[in-house]
Every structure is written in structure tokens, then in C-alpha cells.
């Protein structure tokens, strides 16, 4: 069931609306990188746009940025687990007509 905004409350200033935007961040094809994204952003997906890997996130652009650690692994490459590192899978992208496939994670710890 959806939630609806009472426009009268908004007009009276009794309701504050937060607006978020979807931002795109180009990624490098590298093992580990740091991406500056506004605090509390929700990472949505990773895909390629014109052969460039990009990450899309739902952000509040008014908040200060924080560095998020992004890790990329090629298919068949080792992913070290059980070493105290926590990751969240973001998505998979392909380049060079599918000849190269990469899997992207956010490193949480």
C-alpha cells in the first residue's frame, strides 16, 4: 500500500519533502577504487554506457560526500573470502562485446 503526501500539509509548511536524485559515477577497470558519493546514498546498479563501466546511486546531493570502496573482479579471477572482509554485490557488466565480464562489489569492511 502506497503512502501519499497531503498537499495541504506541504503548503502549510508542516511537511518537509526530501528530494533525492540518481547520479552516475564512471568507474575505472581496476581491482579497487574509491568513489566519493554523498553520505547515505543507495547504490542501485552497475552497467556500461558506451563501453565505460558506470555505477548509479540514489543520492541526496545536499549531503557531504564520503569515500566508498569499490572492488571489481573478472570472471575466473580469485575473490578472497574468509579474511574478515565484508562485501555487498552491486552488479555485473560486460565490455568488448561480452568478451570481458566483471563483477562489482562494495567493500563494507
PDB file of N, CA and C in Angstrom:
ATOM      1  N   UNK A   1       0.848  -1.170   0.000  1.00  0.00           N
ATOM      2  CA  UNK A   1       0.000   0.000   0.000  1.00  0.00           C
ATOM      3  C   UNK A   1       0.899   1.240   0.000  1.00  0.00           C
ATOM      4  N   UNK A   2       0.638   2.162  -0.880  1.00  0.00           N
ATOM      5  CA  UNK A   2       1.477   3.354  -1.017  1.00  0.00           C
ATOM      6  C   UNK A   2       1.176   4.412   0.029  1.00  0.00           C
ATOM      7  N   UNK A   3       2.115   5.329   0.181  1.00  0.00           N
ATOM      8  CA  UNK A   3       1.942   6.461   1.090  1.00  0.00           C
ATOM      9  C   UNK A   3       1.765   7.695   0.222  1.00  0.00           C
ATOM     10  N   UNK A   4       0.816   8.530   0.585  1.00  0.00           N
ATOM     11  CA  UNK A   4       0.522   9.713  -0.206  1.00  0.00           C
ATOM     12  C   UNK A   4       0.826  10.970   0.595  1.00  0.00           C
ATOM     13  N   UNK A   5       1.278  11.992  -0.092  1.00  0.00           N
ATOM     14  CA  UNK A   5       1.613  13.261   0.526  1.00  0.00           C
ATOM     15  C   UNK A   5       0.374  14.143   0.546  1.00  0.00           C
ATOM     16  N   UNK A   6       0.063  14.666   1.693  1.00  0.00           N
ATOM     17  CA  UNK A   6      -1.048  15.606   1.837  1.00  0.00           C
ATOM     18  C   UNK A   6      -0.548  16.975   1.386  1.00  0.00           C
ATOM     19  N   UNK A   7      -1.014  17.431   0.227  1.00  0.00           N
ATOM     20  CA  UNK A   7      -0.533  18.692  -0.332  1.00  0.00           C
ATOM     21  C   UNK A   7      -0.869  19.891   0.540  1.00  0.00           C
ATOM     22  N   UNK A   8      -1.960  19.819   1.276  1.00  0.00           N
ATOM     23  CA  UNK A   8      -2.302  20.921   2.181  1.00  0.00           C
ATOM     24  C   UNK A   8      -1.254  21.060   3.287  1.00  0.00           C
ATOM     25  N   UNK A   9      -0.801  19.925   3.837  1.00  0.00           N
ATOM     26  CA  UNK A   9       0.240  19.976   4.861  1.00  0.00           C
ATOM     27  C   UNK A   9       1.535  20.528   4.290  1.00  0.00           C
ATOM     28  N   UNK A  10       1.825  20.179   3.035  1.00  0.00           N
ATOM     29  CA  UNK A  10       3.027  20.689   2.384  1.00  0.00           C
ATOM     30  C   UNK A  10       2.938  22.201   2.206  1.00  0.00           C
ATOM     31  N   UNK A  11       1.811  22.682   1.749  1.00  0.00           N
ATOM     32  CA  UNK A  11       1.613  24.126   1.536  1.00  0.00           C
ATOM     33  C   UNK A  11       1.720  24.902   2.847  1.00  0.00           C
ATOM     34  N   UNK A  12       1.275  24.292   3.920  1.00  0.00           N
ATOM     35  CA  UNK A  12       1.305  24.949   5.231  1.00  0.00           C
ATOM     36  C   UNK A  12       2.689  24.863   5.876  1.00  0.00           C
ATOM     37  N   UNK A  13       3.603  24.166   5.247  1.00  0.00           N
ATOM     38  CA  UNK A  13       4.950  24.031   5.792  1.00  0.00           C
ATOM     39  C   UNK A  13       5.054  23.039   6.928  1.00  0.00           C
ATOM     40  N   UNK A  14       4.064  22.187   7.090  1.00  0.00           N
ATOM     41  CA  UNK A  14       4.071  21.212   8.176  1.00  0.00           C
ATOM     42  C   UNK A  14       4.708  19.882   7.759  1.00  0.00           C
ATOM     43  N   UNK A  15       5.067  19.789   6.496  1.00  0.00           N
ATOM     44  CA  UNK A  15       5.711  18.581   5.979  1.00  0.00           C
ATOM     45  C   UNK A  15       6.946  19.013   5.207  1.00  0.00           C
ATOM     46  N   UNK A  16       8.045  18.345   5.474  1.00  0.00           N
ATOM     47  CA  UNK A  16       9.273  18.625   4.732  1.00  0.00           C
ATOM     48  C   UNK A  16       9.521  17.487   3.752  1.00  0.00           C
ATOM     49  N   UNK A  17       9.747  17.823   2.500  1.00  0.00           N
ATOM     50  CA  UNK A  17       9.988  16.822   1.475  1.00  0.00           C
ATOM     51  C   UNK A  17      11.477  16.780   1.167  1.00  0.00           C
ATOM     52  N   UNK A  18      12.031  15.583   1.213  1.00  0.00           N
ATOM     53  CA  UNK A  18      13.437  15.409   0.854  1.00  0.00           C
ATOM     54  C   UNK A  18      13.475  14.940  -0.596  1.00  0.00           C
ATOM     55  N   UNK A  19      14.272  15.592  -1.392  1.00  0.00           N
ATOM     56  CA  UNK A  19      14.411  15.201  -2.787  1.00  0.00           C
ATOM     57  C   UNK A  19      15.752  14.538  -2.989  1.00  0.00           C
ATOM     58  N   UNK A  20      15.716  13.402  -3.635  1.00  0.00           N
ATOM     59  CA  UNK A  20      16.944  12.706  -3.991  1.00  0.00           C
ATOM     60  C   UNK A  20      17.045  12.685  -5.507  1.00  0.00           C
ATOM     61  N   UNK A  21      18.248  12.410  -5.969  1.00  0.00           N
ATOM     62  CA  UNK A  21      18.499  12.330  -7.400  1.00  0.00           C
ATOM     63  C   UNK A  21      19.326  11.088  -7.681  1.00  0.00           C
ATOM     64  N   UNK A  22      19.249  10.602  -8.899  1.00  0.00           N
ATOM     65  CA  UNK A  22      20.094   9.491  -9.314  1.00  0.00           C
ATOM     66  C   UNK A  22      21.292  10.076 -10.028  1.00  0.00           C
ATOM     67  N   UNK A  23      22.472   9.779  -9.491  1.00  0.00           N
ATOM     68  CA  UNK A  23      23.738  10.245 -10.057  1.00  0.00           C
ATOM     69  C   UNK A  23      24.488   9.065 -10.659  1.00  0.00           C
ATOM     70  N   UNK A  24      25.295   9.365 -11.667  1.00  0.00           N
ATOM     71  CA  UNK A  24      26.119   8.356 -12.326  1.00  0.00           C
ATOM     72  C   UNK A  24      27.580   8.633 -12.000  1.00  0.00           C
ATOM     73  N   UNK A  25      28.330   7.562 -11.734  1.00  0.00           N
ATOM     74  CA  UNK A  25      29.755   7.651 -11.436  1.00  0.00           C
ATOM     75  C   UNK A  25      30.499   6.695 -12.364  1.00  0.00           C
ATOM     76  N   UNK A  26      31.375   7.230 -13.198  1.00  0.00           N
ATOM     77  CA  UNK A  26      32.185   6.378 -14.076  1.00  0.00           C
ATOM     78  C   UNK A  26      33.195   5.620 -13.226  1.00  0.00           C
ATOM     79  N   UNK A  27      33.373   4.350 -13.536  1.00  0.00           N
ATOM     80  CA  UNK A  27      34.322   3.508 -12.816  1.00  0.00           C
ATOM     81  C   UNK A  27      35.522   3.202 -13.703  1.00  0.00           C
ATOM     82  N   UNK A  28      36.650   3.014 -13.054  1.00  0.00           N
ATOM     83  CA  UNK A  28      37.832   2.534 -13.747  1.00  0.00           C
ATOM     84  C   UNK A  28      37.761   1.007 -13.784  1.00  0.00           C
ATOM     85  N   UNK A  29      38.428   0.418 -14.756  1.00  0.00           N
ATOM     86  CA  UNK A  29      38.535  -1.036 -14.774  1.00  0.00           C
ATOM     87  C   UNK A  29      39.814  -1.377 -14.016  1.00  0.00           C
ATOM     88  N   UNK A  30      39.644  -1.524 -12.705  1.00  0.00           N
ATOM     89  CA  UNK A  30      40.767  -1.783 -11.807  1.00  0.00           C
ATOM     90  C   UNK A  30      40.251  -2.593 -10.627  1.00  0.00           C
ATOM     91  N   UNK A  31      41.159  -3.233  -9.900  1.00  0.00           N
ATOM     92  CA  UNK A  31      40.750  -4.101  -8.789  1.00  0.00           C
ATOM     93  C   UNK A  31      40.005  -3.352  -7.697  1.00  0.00           C
ATOM     94  N   UNK A  32      40.563  -2.226  -7.249  1.00  0.00           N
ATOM     95  CA  UNK A  32      39.994  -1.478  -6.129  1.00  0.00           C
ATOM     96  C   UNK A  32      40.039   0.005  -6.440  1.00  0.00           C
ATOM     97  N   UNK A  33      38.964   0.698  -6.099  1.00  0.00           N
ATOM     98  CA  UNK A  33      38.930   2.148  -6.272  1.00  0.00           C
ATOM     99  C   UNK A  33      38.024   2.765  -5.226  1.00  0.00           C
ATOM    100  N   UNK A  34      38.238   4.024  -4.997  1.00  0.00           N
ATOM    101  CA  UNK A  34      37.451   4.793  -4.044  1.00  0.00           C
ATOM    102  C   UNK A  34      36.579   5.761  -4.839  1.00  0.00           C
ATOM    103  N   UNK A  35      35.288   5.801  -4.503  1.00  0.00           N
ATOM    104  CA  UNK A  35      34.352   6.680  -5.197  1.00  0.00           C
ATOM    105  C   UNK A  35      33.702   7.591  -4.158  1.00  0.00           C
ATOM    106  N   UNK A  36      33.752   8.894  -4.394  1.00  0.00           N
ATOM    107  CA  UNK A  36      33.131   9.870  -3.479  1.00  0.00           C
ATOM    108  C   UNK A  36      31.651  10.001  -3.816  1.00  0.00           C
ATOM    109  N   UNK A  37      30.813   9.592  -2.868  1.00  0.00           N
ATOM    110  CA  UNK A  37      29.361   9.582  -3.038  1.00  0.00           C
ATOM    111  C   UNK A  37      28.746  10.228  -1.795  1.00  0.00           C
ATOM    112  N   UNK A  38      27.672  11.017  -1.946  1.00  0.00           N
ATOM    113  CA  UNK A  38      27.052  11.614  -0.762  1.00  0.00           C
ATOM    114  C   UNK A  38      26.687  10.575   0.303  1.00  0.00           C
ATOM    115  N   UNK A  39      26.851  10.964   1.546  1.00  0.00           N
ATOM    116  CA  UNK A  39      26.537  10.090   2.689  1.00  0.00           C
ATOM    117  C   UNK A  39      25.133   9.512   2.550  1.00  0.00           C
ATOM    118  N   UNK A  40      24.996   8.249   2.913  1.00  0.00           N
ATOM    119  CA  UNK A  40      23.693   7.599   2.924  1.00  0.00           C
ATOM    120  C   UNK A  40      23.157   7.224   1.554  1.00  0.00           C
ATOM    121  N   UNK A  41      23.957   7.389   0.505  1.00  0.00           N
ATOM    122  CA  UNK A  41      23.490   7.066  -0.846  1.00  0.00           C
ATOM    123  C   UNK A  41      23.203   5.577  -0.977  1.00  0.00           C
ATOM    124  N   UNK A  42      22.214   5.258  -1.782  1.00  0.00           N
ATOM    125  CA  UNK A  42      21.871   3.871  -2.072  1.00  0.00           C
ATOM    126  C   UNK A  42      22.425   3.527  -3.450  1.00  0.00           C
ATOM    127  N   UNK A  43      23.384   2.625  -3.487  1.00  0.00           N
ATOM    128  CA  UNK A  43      23.935   2.186  -4.769  1.00  0.00           C
ATOM    129  C   UNK A  43      22.900   1.293  -5.440  1.00  0.00           C
ATOM    130  N   UNK A  44      22.541   1.646  -6.670  1.00  0.00           N
ATOM    131  CA  UNK A  44      21.468   0.953  -7.369  1.00  0.00           C
ATOM    132  C   UNK A  44      21.948  -0.160  -8.291  1.00  0.00           C
ATOM    133  N   UNK A  45      22.937   0.146  -9.132  1.00  0.00           N
ATOM    134  CA  UNK A  45      23.372  -0.820 -10.129  1.00  0.00           C
ATOM    135  C   UNK A  45      24.701  -0.401 -10.719  1.00  0.00           C
ATOM    136  N   UNK A  46      25.282  -1.308 -11.474  1.00  0.00           N
ATOM    137  CA  UNK A  46      26.463  -1.010 -12.278  1.00  0.00           C
ATOM    138  C   UNK A  46      26.212  -1.610 -13.657  1.00  0.00           C
ATOM    139  N   UNK A  47      26.502  -0.831 -14.689  1.00  0.00           N
ATOM    140  CA  UNK A  47      26.346  -1.248 -16.073  1.00  0.00           C
ATOM    141  C   UNK A  47      27.348  -0.467 -16.912  1.00  0.00           C
ATOM    142  N   UNK A  48      27.413  -0.795 -18.182  1.00  0.00           N
ATOM    143  CA  UNK A  48      28.267   0.004 -19.060  1.00  0.00           C
ATOM    144  C   UNK A  48      27.413   0.979 -19.846  1.00  0.00           C
ATOM    145  N   UNK A  49      28.011   2.110 -20.137  1.00  0.00           N
ATOM    146  CA  UNK A  49      27.412   3.097 -21.022  1.00  0.00           C
ATOM    147  C   UNK A  49      28.501   3.464 -22.026  1.00  0.00           C
ATOM    148  N   UNK A  50      28.294   3.101 -23.266  1.00  0.00           N
ATOM    149  CA  UNK A  50      29.296   3.317 -24.314  1.00  0.00           C
ATOM    150  C   UNK A  50      30.647   2.714 -23.926  1.00  0.00           C
ATOM    151  N   UNK A  51      30.608   1.463 -23.436  1.00  0.00           N
ATOM    152  CA  UNK A  51      31.803   0.694 -23.077  1.00  0.00           C
ATOM    153  C   UNK A  51      32.516   1.202 -21.825  1.00  0.00           C
ATOM    154  N   UNK A  52      31.926   2.164 -21.116  1.00  0.00           N
ATOM    155  CA  UNK A  52      32.509   2.668 -19.875  1.00  0.00           C
ATOM    156  C   UNK A  52      31.678   2.128 -18.708  1.00  0.00           C
ATOM    157  N   UNK A  53      32.308   1.423 -17.769  1.00  0.00           N
ATOM    158  CA  UNK A  53      31.550   0.951 -16.614  1.00  0.00           C
ATOM    159  C   UNK A  53      31.122   2.131 -15.745  1.00  0.00           C
ATOM    160  N   UNK A  54      29.848   2.112 -15.355  1.00  0.00           N
ATOM    161  CA  UNK A  54      29.291   3.195 -14.537  1.00  0.00           C
ATOM    162  C   UNK A  54      28.478   2.614 -13.398  1.00  0.00           C
ATOM    163  N   UNK A  55      28.478   3.340 -12.299  1.00  0.00           N
ATOM    164  CA  UNK A  55      27.698   3.000 -11.118  1.00  0.00           C
ATOM    165  C   UNK A  55      26.635   4.079 -10.962  1.00  0.00           C
ATOM    166  N   UNK A  56      25.398   3.675 -10.714  1.00  0.00           N
ATOM    167  CA  UNK A  56      24.318   4.632 -10.466  1.00  0.00           C
ATOM    168  C   UNK A  56      23.891   4.520  -9.013  1.00  0.00           C
ATOM    169  N   UNK A  57      23.638   5.670  -8.391  1.00  0.00           N
ATOM    170  CA  UNK A  57      23.253   5.691  -6.980  1.00  0.00           C
ATOM    171  C   UNK A  57      22.163   6.738  -6.756  1.00  0.00           C
ATOM    172  N   UNK A  58      21.268   6.435  -5.838  1.00  0.00           N
ATOM    173  CA  UNK A  58      20.230   7.368  -5.409  1.00  0.00           C
ATOM    174  C   UNK A  58      20.822   8.179  -4.263  1.00  0.00           C
ATOM    175  N   UNK A  59      20.974   9.486  -4.486  1.00  0.00           N
ATOM    176  CA  UNK A  59      21.703  10.313  -3.532  1.00  0.00           C
ATOM    177  C   UNK A  59      20.905  11.543  -3.117  1.00  0.00           C
ATOM    178  N   UNK A  60      21.282  12.068  -1.958  1.00  0.00           N
ATOM    179  CA  UNK A  60      20.844  13.392  -1.546  1.00  0.00           C
ATOM    180  C   UNK A  60      22.053  14.295  -1.793  1.00  0.00           C
ATOM    181  N   UNK A  61      22.036  15.083  -2.880  1.00  0.00           N
ATOM    182  CA  UNK A  61      23.222  15.866  -3.241  1.00  0.00           C
ATOM    183  C   UNK A  61      23.572  16.961  -2.241  1.00  0.00           C
ATOM    184  N   UNK A  62      22.693  17.228  -1.280  1.00  0.00           N
ATOM    185  CA  UNK A  62      22.970  18.253  -0.271  1.00  0.00           C
ATOM    186  C   UNK A  62      23.864  17.727   0.850  1.00  0.00           C
ATOM    187  N   UNK A  63      24.022  16.422   0.921  1.00  0.00           N
ATOM    188  CA  UNK A  63      24.839  15.832   1.983  1.00  0.00           C
ATOM    189  C   UNK A  63      26.303  15.782   1.565  1.00  0.00           C
ATOM    190  N   UNK A  64      27.215  15.824   2.536  1.00  0.00           N
ATOM    191  CA  UNK A  64      28.642  15.739   2.201  1.00  0.00           C
ATOM    192  C   UNK A  64      28.993  14.351   1.657  1.00  0.00           C
ATOM    193  N   UNK A  65      30.016  14.314   0.848  1.00  0.00           N
ATOM    194  CA  UNK A  65      30.443  13.045   0.247  1.00  0.00           C
ATOM    195  C   UNK A  65      31.288  12.234   1.216  1.00  0.00           C
ATOM    196  N   UNK A  66      31.242  10.952   1.016  1.00  0.00           N
ATOM    197  CA  UNK A  66      32.073  10.008   1.742  1.00  0.00           C
ATOM    198  C   UNK A  66      32.677   9.052   0.723  1.00  0.00           C
ATOM    199  N   UNK A  67      33.836   8.522   1.030  1.00  0.00           N
ATOM    200  CA  UNK A  67      34.506   7.599   0.120  1.00  0.00           C
ATOM    201  C   UNK A  67      33.933   6.195   0.288  1.00  0.00           C
ATOM    202  N   UNK A  68      33.526   5.590  -0.810  1.00  0.00           N
ATOM    203  CA  UNK A  68      33.032   4.213  -0.811  1.00  0.00           C
ATOM    204  C   UNK A  68      34.035   3.374  -1.590  1.00  0.00           C
ATOM    205  N   UNK A  69      34.377   2.220  -1.050  1.00  0.00           N
ATOM    206  CA  UNK A  69      35.374   1.346  -1.658  1.00  0.00           C
ATOM    207  C   UNK A  69      34.696   0.354  -2.597  1.00  0.00           C
ATOM    208  N   UNK A  70      35.100   0.386  -3.849  1.00  0.00           N
ATOM    209  CA  UNK A  70      34.518  -0.468  -4.877  1.00  0.00           C
ATOM    210  C   UNK A  70      35.579  -1.455  -5.351  1.00  0.00           C
ATOM    211  N   UNK A  71      35.211  -2.726  -5.402  1.00  0.00           N
ATOM    212  CA  UNK A  71      36.119  -3.769  -5.873  1.00  0.00           C
ATOM    213  C   UNK A  71      35.534  -4.428  -7.114  1.00  0.00           C
ATOM    214  N   UNK A  72      36.400  -4.722  -8.075  1.00  0.00           N
ATOM    215  CA  UNK A  72      35.981  -5.342  -9.326  1.00  0.00           C
ATOM    216  C   UNK A  72      36.788  -6.615  -9.548  1.00  0.00           C
ATOM    217  N   UNK A  73      36.087  -7.692  -9.891  1.00  0.00           N
ATOM    218  CA  UNK A  73      36.716  -8.985 -10.138  1.00  0.00           C
ATOM    219  C   UNK A  73      36.287  -9.494 -11.500  1.00  0.00           C
ATOM    220  N   UNK A  74      37.252  -9.917 -12.288  1.00  0.00           N
ATOM    221  CA  UNK A  74      36.940 -10.539 -13.570  1.00  0.00           C
ATOM    222  C   UNK A  74      36.466 -11.966 -13.359  1.00  0.00           C
ATOM    223  N   UNK A  75      35.643 -12.449 -14.277  1.00  0.00           N
ATOM    224  CA  UNK A  75      35.202 -13.841 -14.208  1.00  0.00           C
ATOM    225  C   UNK A  75      36.425 -14.751 -14.211  1.00  0.00           C
ATOM    226  N   UNK A  76      36.455 -15.690 -13.277  1.00  0.00           N
ATOM    227  CA  UNK A  76      37.566 -16.629 -13.169  1.00  0.00           C
ATOM    228  C   UNK A  76      38.720 -16.139 -12.319  1.00  0.00           C
ATOM    229  N   UNK A  77      38.693 -14.882 -11.920  1.00  0.00           N
ATOM    230  CA  UNK A  77      39.761 -14.346 -11.073  1.00  0.00           C
ATOM    231  C   UNK A  77      39.448 -14.654  -9.606  1.00  0.00           C
ATOM    232  N   UNK A  78      40.468 -14.771  -8.760  1.00  0.00           N
ATOM    233  CA  UNK A  78      40.221 -15.105  -7.351  1.00  0.00           C
ATOM    234  C   UNK A  78      39.538 -13.959  -6.589  1.00  0.00           C
ATOM    235  N   UNK A  79      38.606 -14.351  -5.727  1.00  0.00           N
ATOM    236  CA  UNK A  79      37.955 -13.431  -4.788  1.00  0.00           C
ATOM    237  C   UNK A  79      38.256 -13.991  -3.405  1.00  0.00           C
ATOM    238  N   UNK A  80      39.093 -13.302  -2.659  1.00  0.00           N
ATOM    239  CA  UNK A  80      39.496 -13.800  -1.344  1.00  0.00           C
ATOM    240  C   UNK A  80      38.358 -13.609  -0.344  1.00  0.00           C
ATOM    241  N   UNK A  81      37.974 -14.682   0.315  1.00  0.00           N
ATOM    242  CA  UNK A  81      36.917 -14.667   1.330  1.00  0.00           C
ATOM    243  C   UNK A  81      37.468 -15.266   2.612  1.00  0.00           C
ATOM    244  N   UNK A  82      36.745 -15.060   3.711  1.00  0.00           N
ATOM    245  CA  UNK A  82      37.177 -15.617   4.988  1.00  0.00           C
ATOM    246  C   UNK A  82      38.375 -14.914   5.571  1.00  0.00           C
ATOM    247  N   UNK A  83      38.601 -13.666   5.171  1.00  0.00           N
ATOM    248  CA  UNK A  83      39.750 -12.899   5.681  1.00  0.00           C
ATOM    249  C   UNK A  83      39.270 -11.655   6.432  1.00  0.00           C
ATOM    250  N   UNK A  84      38.026 -11.697   6.872  1.00  0.00           N
ATOM    251  CA  UNK A  84      37.480 -10.572   7.626  1.00  0.00           C
ATOM    252  C   UNK A  84      36.993  -9.424   6.766  1.00  0.00           C
ATOM    253  N   UNK A  85      36.808  -9.684   5.473  1.00  0.00           N
ATOM    254  CA  UNK A  85      36.323  -8.651   4.561  1.00  0.00           C
ATOM    255  C   UNK A  85      34.863  -8.919   4.240  1.00  0.00           C
ATOM    256  N   UNK A  86      34.049  -7.888   4.386  1.00  0.00           N
ATOM    257  CA  UNK A  86      32.629  -7.991   4.058  1.00  0.00           C
ATOM    258  C   UNK A  86      32.379  -7.188   2.785  1.00  0.00           C
ATOM    259  N   UNK A  87      31.675  -7.812   1.843  1.00  0.00           N
ATOM    260  CA  UNK A  87      31.355  -7.154   0.573  1.00  0.00           C
ATOM    261  C   UNK A  87      29.870  -7.272   0.284  1.00  0.00           C
ATOM    262  N   UNK A  88      29.362  -6.290  -0.485  1.00  0.00           N
ATOM    263  CA  UNK A  88      27.975  -6.339  -0.974  1.00  0.00           C
ATOM    264  C   UNK A  88      28.032  -6.309  -2.493  1.00  0.00           C
ATOM    265  N   UNK A  89      27.426  -7.303  -3.119  1.00  0.00           N
ATOM    266  CA  UNK A  89      27.402  -7.380  -4.577  1.00  0.00           C
ATOM    267  C   UNK A  89      26.560  -6.241  -5.150  1.00  0.00           C
ATOM    268  N   UNK A  90      27.101  -5.564  -6.163  1.00  0.00           N
ATOM    269  CA  UNK A  90      26.381  -4.474  -6.829  1.00  0.00           C
ATOM    270  C   UNK A  90      25.841  -4.935  -8.176  1.00  0.00           C
ATOM    271  N   UNK A  91      26.700  -5.545  -8.976  1.00  0.00           N
ATOM    272  CA  UNK A  91      26.245  -5.981 -10.288  1.00  0.00           C
ATOM    273  C   UNK A  91      27.389  -6.475 -11.148  1.00  0.00           C
ATOM    274  N   UNK A  92      27.038  -6.879 -12.354  1.00  0.00           N
ATOM    275  CA  UNK A  92      27.981  -7.419 -13.328  1.00  0.00           C
ATOM    276  C   UNK A  92      27.861  -6.613 -14.608  1.00  0.00           C
ATOM    277  N   UNK A  93      28.996  -6.371 -15.260  1.00  0.00           N
ATOM    278  CA  UNK A  93      28.962  -5.704 -16.557  1.00  0.00           C
ATOM    279  C   UNK A  93      29.896  -6.403 -17.529  1.00  0.00           C
ATOM    280  N   UNK A  94      29.640  -6.191 -18.804  1.00  0.00           N
ATOM    281  CA  UNK A  94      30.436  -6.790 -19.864  1.00  0.00           C
ATOM    282  C   UNK A  94      30.950  -5.688 -20.788  1.00  0.00           C
ATOM    283  N   UNK A  95      32.159  -5.889 -21.309  1.00  0.00           N
ATOM    284  CA  UNK A  95      32.710  -4.976 -22.307  1.00  0.00           C
ATOM    285  C   UNK A  95      33.293  -5.819 -23.445  1.00  0.00           C
ATOM    286  N   UNK A  96      33.682  -5.145 -24.504  1.00  0.00           N
ATOM    287  CA  UNK A  96      34.249  -5.787 -25.691  1.00  0.00           C
ATOM    288  C   UNK A  96      33.352  -6.909 -26.192  1.00  0.00           C
ATOM    289  N   UNK A  97      32.077  -6.539 -26.424  1.00  0.00           N
ATOM    290  CA  UNK A  97      31.075  -7.482 -26.946  1.00  0.00           C
ATOM    291  C   UNK A  97      30.940  -8.738 -26.093  1.00  0.00           C
ATOM    292  N   UNK A  98      31.081  -8.599 -24.792  1.00  0.00           N
ATOM    293  CA  UNK A  98      30.913  -9.716 -23.874  1.00  0.00           C
ATOM    294  C   UNK A  98      32.155 -10.562 -23.687  1.00  0.00           C
ATOM    295  N   UNK A  99      33.260 -10.179 -24.308  1.00  0.00           N
ATOM    296  CA  UNK A  99      34.493 -10.945 -24.149  1.00  0.00           C
ATOM    297  C   UNK A  99      35.112 -10.777 -22.768  1.00  0.00           C
ATOM    298  N   UNK A 100      34.864  -9.649 -22.112  1.00  0.00           N
ATOM    299  CA  UNK A 100      35.362  -9.410 -20.756  1.00  0.00           C
ATOM    300  C   UNK A 100      34.163  -9.160 -19.846  1.00  0.00           C
ATOM    301  N   UNK A 101      34.091  -9.921 -18.768  1.00  0.00           N
ATOM    302  CA  UNK A 101      32.970  -9.820 -17.825  1.00  0.00           C
ATOM    303  C   UNK A 101      33.536  -9.520 -16.446  1.00  0.00           C
ATOM    304  N   UNK A 102      32.979  -8.487 -15.787  1.00  0.00           N
ATOM    305  CA  UNK A 102      33.458  -8.052 -14.482  1.00  0.00           C
ATOM    306  C   UNK A 102      32.295  -8.020 -13.486  1.00  0.00           C
ATOM    307  N   UNK A 103      32.621  -8.311 -12.227  1.00  0.00           N
ATOM    308  CA  UNK A 103      31.634  -8.377 -11.146  1.00  0.00           C
ATOM    309  C   UNK A 103      32.062  -7.354 -10.093  1.00  0.00           C
ATOM    310  N   UNK A 104      31.133  -6.497  -9.704  1.00  0.00           N
ATOM    311  CA  UNK A 104      31.459  -5.331  -8.875  1.00  0.00           C
ATOM    312  C   UNK A 104      30.816  -5.474  -7.494  1.00  0.00           C
ATOM    313  N   UNK A 105      31.622  -5.175  -6.475  1.00  0.00           N
ATOM    314  CA  UNK A 105      31.202  -5.252  -5.084  1.00  0.00           C
ATOM    315  C   UNK A 105      31.573  -3.959  -4.370  1.00  0.00           C
ATOM    316  N   UNK A 106      30.787  -3.619  -3.350  1.00  0.00           N
ATOM    317  CA  UNK A 106      31.192  -2.575  -2.424  1.00  0.00           C
ATOM    318  C   UNK A 106      31.845  -3.254  -1.238  1.00  0.00           C
ATOM    319  N   UNK A 107      33.036  -2.802  -0.881  1.00  0.00           N
ATOM    320  CA  UNK A 107      33.713  -3.355   0.294  1.00  0.00           C
ATOM    321  C   UNK A 107      33.198  -2.620   1.519  1.00  0.00           C
ATOM    322  N   UNK A 108      32.610  -3.364   2.439  1.00  0.00           N
ATOM    323  CA  UNK A 108      31.996  -2.765   3.627  1.00  0.00           C
ATOM    324  C   UNK A 108      32.933  -2.773   4.835  1.00  0.00           C
ATOM    325  N   UNK A 109      33.898  -3.685   4.853  1.00  0.00           N
ATOM    326  CA  UNK A 109      34.861  -3.741   5.964  1.00  0.00           C
ATOM    327  C   UNK A 109      36.203  -4.219   5.473  1.00  0.00           C
TER     328      UNK A 109
END
